[in-house]
N, C-alpha and C. Protein backbone atom coordinates (compact mmCIF):
# COMPACT_ATOMS: atom_id res chain seq x y z
N MET A 1 0.86 -1.20 0.03
CA MET A 1 0.01 0.00 -0.02
C MET A 1 0.89 1.22 -0.01
N ARG A 2 0.59 2.15 -0.87
CA ARG A 2 1.36 3.38 -0.95
C ARG A 2 0.83 4.42 0.10
N ARG A 3 1.77 5.04 0.66
CA ARG A 3 1.43 6.12 1.68
C ARG A 3 1.73 7.54 1.09
N CYS A 4 0.96 8.48 1.41
CA CYS A 4 1.23 9.85 1.14
C CYS A 4 1.35 10.67 2.36
N VAL A 5 2.41 11.39 2.50
CA VAL A 5 2.72 12.12 3.77
C VAL A 5 2.27 13.60 3.59
N GLU A 6 1.58 14.00 4.61
CA GLU A 6 1.13 15.41 4.61
C GLU A 6 1.72 16.09 5.82
N VAL A 7 2.28 17.28 5.67
CA VAL A 7 2.94 18.09 6.68
C VAL A 7 2.26 19.35 6.85
N ALA A 8 2.04 19.71 8.13
CA ALA A 8 1.32 21.01 8.35
C ALA A 8 2.08 21.84 9.40
N ASP A 9 2.14 23.14 9.24
CA ASP A 9 2.75 23.99 10.25
C ASP A 9 1.79 24.06 11.52
N LEU A 10 2.43 24.05 12.62
CA LEU A 10 1.62 24.19 13.90
C LEU A 10 1.82 25.66 14.46
N PRO A 11 0.85 26.20 15.13
CA PRO A 11 1.01 27.54 15.63
C PRO A 11 2.22 27.70 16.57
N SER A 12 2.69 26.61 17.19
CA SER A 12 3.86 26.59 18.06
C SER A 12 5.14 26.69 17.29
N GLY A 13 5.07 26.57 16.03
CA GLY A 13 6.27 26.60 15.15
C GLY A 13 6.75 25.20 14.83
N GLY A 14 6.08 24.13 15.31
CA GLY A 14 6.44 22.81 14.98
C GLY A 14 5.75 22.34 13.75
N GLN A 15 5.75 21.01 13.54
CA GLN A 15 5.10 20.45 12.41
C GLN A 15 4.24 19.22 12.84
N ALA A 16 3.12 19.03 12.10
CA ALA A 16 2.28 17.85 12.28
C ALA A 16 2.44 17.05 11.02
N VAL A 17 2.54 15.71 11.15
CA VAL A 17 2.71 14.80 10.01
C VAL A 17 1.66 13.70 10.07
N ARG A 18 1.07 13.37 8.91
CA ARG A 18 0.13 12.26 8.88
C ARG A 18 0.02 11.67 7.52
N ASP A 19 -0.60 10.51 7.40
CA ASP A 19 -0.86 9.87 6.15
C ASP A 19 -2.06 10.51 5.54
N SER A 20 -1.97 11.19 4.39
CA SER A 20 -3.11 11.89 3.82
C SER A 20 -4.22 10.91 3.31
N LYS A 21 -3.89 9.68 3.16
CA LYS A 21 -4.90 8.69 2.70
C LYS A 21 -5.68 8.21 3.94
N ALA A 22 -5.26 8.54 5.12
CA ALA A 22 -6.00 8.17 6.40
C ALA A 22 -6.07 9.37 7.30
N PRO A 23 -6.89 10.45 6.79
CA PRO A 23 -6.91 11.68 7.50
C PRO A 23 -7.44 11.62 8.96
N ASN A 24 -8.13 10.54 9.26
CA ASN A 24 -8.62 10.36 10.67
C ASN A 24 -7.75 9.48 11.48
N GLY A 25 -6.57 9.06 10.91
CA GLY A 25 -5.69 8.19 11.63
C GLY A 25 -4.74 8.98 12.47
N PRO A 26 -3.76 8.38 12.97
CA PRO A 26 -2.81 9.07 13.93
C PRO A 26 -2.04 10.18 13.23
N MET A 27 -1.63 11.11 14.02
CA MET A 27 -0.79 12.24 13.58
C MET A 27 0.36 12.42 14.49
N LEU A 28 1.55 12.64 13.91
CA LEU A 28 2.75 12.85 14.65
C LEU A 28 3.01 14.32 14.81
N ASN A 29 3.30 14.78 15.98
CA ASN A 29 3.64 16.23 16.19
C ASN A 29 5.05 16.41 16.56
N PHE A 30 5.72 17.29 15.97
CA PHE A 30 7.17 17.54 16.26
C PHE A 30 7.40 18.99 16.64
N THR A 31 8.28 19.19 17.58
CA THR A 31 8.68 20.53 17.91
C THR A 31 9.50 21.10 16.80
N ARG A 32 9.74 22.46 16.83
CA ARG A 32 10.53 23.07 15.80
C ARG A 32 11.93 22.43 15.81
N THR A 33 12.57 22.19 17.00
CA THR A 33 13.89 21.60 17.13
C THR A 33 13.87 20.18 16.57
N GLU A 34 12.88 19.41 16.88
CA GLU A 34 12.87 18.03 16.39
C GLU A 34 12.72 17.98 14.87
N TRP A 35 11.86 18.86 14.35
CA TRP A 35 11.73 18.90 12.87
C TRP A 35 12.98 19.30 12.16
N GLN A 36 13.66 20.29 12.77
CA GLN A 36 14.90 20.76 12.14
C GLN A 36 15.98 19.68 12.22
N ALA A 37 16.06 18.91 13.27
CA ALA A 37 16.99 17.82 13.34
C ALA A 37 16.68 16.71 12.30
N PHE A 38 15.40 16.45 11.97
CA PHE A 38 15.00 15.56 10.94
C PHE A 38 15.46 16.06 9.58
N ILE A 39 15.13 17.32 9.29
CA ILE A 39 15.52 17.96 8.05
C ILE A 39 17.00 17.92 7.79
N ASP A 40 17.73 18.19 8.85
CA ASP A 40 19.21 18.20 8.76
C ASP A 40 19.72 16.78 8.48
N SER A 41 19.08 15.76 9.08
CA SER A 41 19.50 14.38 8.92
C SER A 41 19.25 13.95 7.44
N VAL A 42 18.11 14.43 6.85
CA VAL A 42 17.83 14.08 5.51
C VAL A 42 18.87 14.73 4.58
N LYS A 43 19.17 15.91 4.85
CA LYS A 43 20.13 16.65 4.00
C LYS A 43 21.48 16.08 4.06
N ASP A 44 21.86 15.49 5.22
CA ASP A 44 23.15 14.88 5.44
C ASP A 44 23.17 13.39 4.95
N HIS A 45 22.07 12.90 4.38
CA HIS A 45 21.95 11.52 3.89
C HIS A 45 22.17 10.53 4.94
N ARG A 46 21.64 10.79 6.20
CA ARG A 46 21.84 9.86 7.28
C ARG A 46 20.87 8.66 7.24
N PHE A 47 20.00 8.60 6.33
CA PHE A 47 19.08 7.55 6.22
C PHE A 47 19.45 6.61 5.01
N GLY A 48 19.25 5.35 5.18
CA GLY A 48 19.56 4.36 4.11
C GLY A 48 18.69 4.55 2.90
N ARG A 49 19.21 4.12 1.84
CA ARG A 49 18.44 4.15 0.57
C ARG A 49 17.62 2.91 0.33
């Protein structure tokens, strides 16, 4: 099954992430610091291919 990721800005400056094919399903919330750490990791190619 394919997943589509949806990201939304939160008023606190963080991000909310969910599967757009399951809008009533779980949502992950990240602080601004956590989200930036994730983005930096992606840019540094820290995840396997």
